[in-house]
Protein backbone atom coordinates (compact mmCIF):
# COMPACT_ATOMS: atom_id res chain seq x y z
CA UNK A 1 -0.08 0.13 -0.01
CA UNK A 2 1.31 3.53 -1.23
CA UNK A 3 2.16 6.19 1.67
CA UNK A 4 -1.06 8.18 0.43
CA UNK A 5 -3.45 5.08 0.63
CA UNK A 6 -1.73 4.20 4.07
CA UNK A 7 -2.27 7.83 5.63
CA UNK A 8 -6.00 7.58 4.74
CA UNK A 9 -6.41 3.57 6.32
CA UNK A 10 -5.00 5.19 9.22
CA UNK A 11 -7.57 7.88 9.18
CA UNK A 12 -10.87 6.10 8.17
CA UNK A 13 -9.21 4.30 11.71
CA UNK A 14 -9.23 7.54 13.47
CA UNK A 15 -12.88 8.18 12.01
CA UNK A 16 -14.80 4.61 12.76
CA UNK A 17 -12.87 3.87 15.58
CA UNK A 18 -12.75 6.38 17.86
CA UNK A 19 -14.03 9.51 16.42
CA UNK A 20 -16.43 9.84 13.88
CA UNK A 21 -17.98 13.34 15.25
CA UNK A 22 -14.71 14.58 13.78
CA UNK A 23 -15.63 14.90 10.59
CA UNK A 24 -19.86 15.11 11.18
CA UNK A 25 -20.63 11.89 10.44
CA UNK A 26 -23.20 9.53 12.43
CA UNK A 27 -22.57 5.09 12.71
CA UNK A 28 -25.59 3.80 14.11
CA UNK A 29 -25.36 1.18 16.51
CA UNK A 30 -23.81 -1.08 14.37
CA UNK A 31 -20.93 1.25 13.20
CA UNK A 32 -21.64 1.05 10.07
CA UNK A 33 -21.87 4.47 7.95
CA UNK A 34 -23.17 5.09 4.59
CA UNK A 35 -19.55 4.68 1.82
CA UNK A 36 -21.09 8.05 0.04
CA UNK A 37 -22.39 9.70 3.71
CA UNK A 38 -18.13 9.04 5.24
CA UNK A 39 -16.82 10.18 1.22
CA UNK A 40 -18.79 13.63 1.36
CA UNK A 41 -17.82 14.53 5.14
CA UNK A 42 -14.03 13.32 4.45
CA UNK A 43 -13.94 15.61 1.21
CA UNK A 44 -15.09 18.48 2.99
CA UNK A 45 -12.73 18.57 6.06
CA UNK A 46 -10.26 17.67 3.34
CA UNK A 47 -9.26 14.85 3.13
CA UNK A 48 -11.14 13.54 -0.50
CA UNK A 49 -10.49 10.28 -1.75
CA UNK A 50 -12.94 7.82 -4.41
CA UNK A 51 -15.27 5.32 -3.89
CA UNK A 52 -12.63 3.14 -5.78
CA UNK A 53 -9.24 4.60 -3.12
CA UNK A 54 -11.86 3.23 -0.53
CA UNK A 55 -12.40 -0.39 -1.87
CA UNK A 56 -8.56 -0.74 -2.68
CA UNK A 57 -7.93 0.19 1.56
CA UNK A 58 -10.27 -2.19 2.05
CA UNK A 59 -9.35 -5.02 0.77
CA UNK A 60 -5.32 -4.80 0.77
CA UNK A 61 -5.58 -3.13 4.49
CA UNK A 62 -2.32 -5.81 5.58
CA UNK A 63 -5.37 -6.23 9.29
CA UNK A 64 -8.61 -6.67 7.36
CA UNK A 65 -9.52 -3.16 9.66
CA UNK A 66 -12.78 -3.00 7.22
CA UNK A 67 -14.95 -4.37 6.39
CA UNK A 68 -17.96 -3.29 3.99
CA UNK A 69 -21.38 -4.80 4.18
CA UNK A 70 -23.28 -7.05 1.49
CA UNK A 71 -25.10 -4.77 -0.56
CA UNK A 72 -21.32 -1.75 -0.26
CA UNK A 73 -23.31 0.78 1.21
CA UNK A 74 -22.09 0.34 4.40
CA UNK A 75 -18.54 0.45 5.81
CA UNK A 76 -17.38 0.26 9.52
CA UNK A 77 -14.10 -0.11 11.23
CA UNK A 78 -14.03 -4.24 12.17
CA UNK A 79 -12.85 -4.11 15.70
CA UNK A 80 -11.11 -1.64 17.91
CA UNK A 81 -13.04 0.34 19.01
CA UNK A 82 -13.77 3.33 21.56
CA UNK A 83 -16.74 4.19 21.31
CA UNK A 84 -20.57 2.33 21.60
CA UNK A 85 -21.06 0.23 18.68
CA UNK A 86 -21.95 -4.21 18.90
CA UNK A 87 -20.33 -5.02 16.81
CA UNK A 88 -22.02 -8.14 16.27
CA UNK A 89 -20.20 -11.46 16.20
CA UNK A 90 -21.29 -14.68 17.50
CA UNK A 91 -19.02 -16.83 20.05
CA UNK A 92 -17.02 -19.30 18.52
CA UNK A 93 -14.61 -21.77 20.42
CA UNK A 94 -11.44 -20.10 20.46
CA UNK A 95 -8.34 -22.80 19.34
CA UNK A 96 -6.42 -23.99 22.68
CA UNK A 97 -3.96 -20.50 22.38
CA UNK A 98 -3.85 -17.70 21.15
CA UNK A 99 -1.54 -14.38 21.23
CA UNK A 100 -1.65 -11.02 23.02
CA UNK A 101 1.82 -8.59 21.88
CA UNK A 102 2.22 -5.82 24.67
CA UNK A 103 5.59 -4.30 25.59
CA UNK A 104 7.80 -4.75 28.13
CA UNK A 105 6.21 -1.43 30.34
CA UNK A 106 3.15 -2.73 30.83
CA UNK A 107 4.17 -6.25 31.77
CA UNK A 108 3.21 -4.91 35.77
CA UNK A 109 0.39 -3.72 34.72
CA UNK A 110 -0.96 -7.53 33.28
CA UNK A 111 0.35 -9.18 36.24
CA UNK A 112 -1.35 -7.62 39.16
CA UNK A 113 -4.69 -7.09 36.83
CA UNK A 114 -3.95 -9.50 33.90
CA UNK A 115 -5.96 -8.11 30.62
CA UNK A 116 -7.87 -5.38 30.50
CA UNK A 117 -9.52 -4.39 27.72
CA UNK A 118 -9.01 -0.44 29.10
CA UNK A 119 -11.27 2.26 26.50
CA UNK A 120 -11.92 -1.24 23.64
CA UNK A 121 -14.65 -3.37 23.58
CA UNK A 122 -12.31 -6.18 23.67
CA UNK A 123 -8.64 -6.72 24.66
CA UNK A 124 -7.33 -8.90 21.51
CA UNK A 125 -6.38 -11.34 20.42
CA UNK A 126 -4.12 -13.65 17.56
CA UNK A 127 -3.51 -16.54 16.22
CA UNK A 128 -0.08 -16.18 15.55
CA UNK A 129 3.22 -15.43 17.55
CA UNK A 130 4.39 -13.39 14.14
CA UNK A 131 1.17 -10.96 14.75
CA UNK A 132 2.16 -10.77 18.25
CA UNK A 133 5.07 -9.50 18.18
CA UNK A 134 4.07 -6.93 15.65
CA UNK A 135 1.71 -4.90 17.41
CA UNK A 136 3.27 -5.51 20.56
CA UNK A 137 6.39 -3.96 18.68
CA UNK A 138 4.32 -0.82 18.02
CA UNK A 139 4.64 -0.43 21.36
CA UNK A 140 7.83 -0.33 22.91
CA UNK A 141 10.17 -3.57 23.62
CA UNK A 142 7.87 -6.11 22.61
CA UNK A 143 6.61 -8.52 24.48
CA UNK A 144 4.55 -12.39 23.40
CA UNK A 145 1.95 -13.20 26.14
CA UNK A 146 0.51 -16.85 25.42
CA UNK A 147 -2.58 -17.60 26.28
CA UNK A 148 -4.45 -20.42 27.46
CA UNK A 149 -7.70 -19.79 25.24
CA UNK A 150 -9.02 -23.50 25.76
CA UNK A 151 -9.09 -23.15 28.91
CA UNK A 152 -10.75 -19.80 29.47
CA UNK A 153 -13.21 -20.79 27.46
CA UNK A 154 -14.22 -24.42 29.35
CA UNK A 155 -14.19 -21.57 32.86
CA UNK A 156 -16.30 -19.58 30.56
CA UNK A 157 -15.43 -17.13 29.53
CA UNK A 158 -16.84 -15.72 26.19
CA UNK A 159 -14.53 -15.88 23.02
CA UNK A 160 -15.42 -13.49 19.18
CA UNK A 161 -14.18 -13.46 16.46
CA UNK A 162 -14.47 -11.09 13.93
CA UNK A 163 -14.73 -10.44 10.55
CA UNK A 164 -11.30 -10.00 10.51
CA UNK A 165 -9.25 -12.50 11.97
CA UNK A 166 -9.13 -11.30 15.20
CA UNK A 167 -10.02 -12.72 18.76
CA UNK A 168 -12.08 -10.89 20.70
CA UNK A 169 -12.87 -11.08 25.10
CA UNK A 170 -13.89 -8.97 27.58
CA UNK A 171 -10.45 -10.25 29.92
CA UNK A 172 -7.74 -11.94 30.32
CA UNK A 173 -6.61 -12.23 34.16
CA UNK A 174 -3.23 -13.66 34.71
CA UNK A 175 -3.44 -17.49 35.89
CA UNK A 176 -3.87 -17.92 31.82
CA UNK A 177 -1.37 -15.95 30.52
CA UNK A 178 2.25 -16.98 29.77
CA UNK A 179 4.77 -14.98 29.02
CA UNK A 180 7.10 -15.92 26.60
CA UNK A 181 10.75 -15.48 25.31
CA UNK A 182 10.69 -14.25 21.90
CA UNK A 183 14.06 -15.62 21.12
CA UNK A 184 12.65 -18.30 21.39
CA UNK A 185 9.38 -17.41 19.39
CA UNK A 186 11.15 -16.29 16.28
């Protein structure tokens, strides 16, 4: 993805996950907005782009952050909202292990409280270590946490699988977390 589309993708993440009011749009209760309304609002706020640009971003975002409705008339972020949004995902049975990437500076808090969703709707987990390393690297010196998701599910925790393959859960107590040695992960 070229720099222009990368910047547009970041802008869309900001607007569709956190601050739609910045460009004067309203998301419905499930996070959707009409594509035509989004394009018009972006243009009015100095970020013009075409429907083709939007479709390219949706199709080529490496994290599949966005989803178009089946009829292609609406768009939303797949997860990661700080807004009250009901994404409508059905619960799903997770694999035995999932992974979470974070930075070393957050480990004291994680050891005390487990993984908490903070301002998001859920804790985000990946099915592979490589993705967890990439996520953790964005926040500083990375740490990969191995989550005993199968054990959590048996204990009654509910997991969801987003449209882009990110696993979601409300909270992860530390007793279900194992810190991996990064050298053994690579």
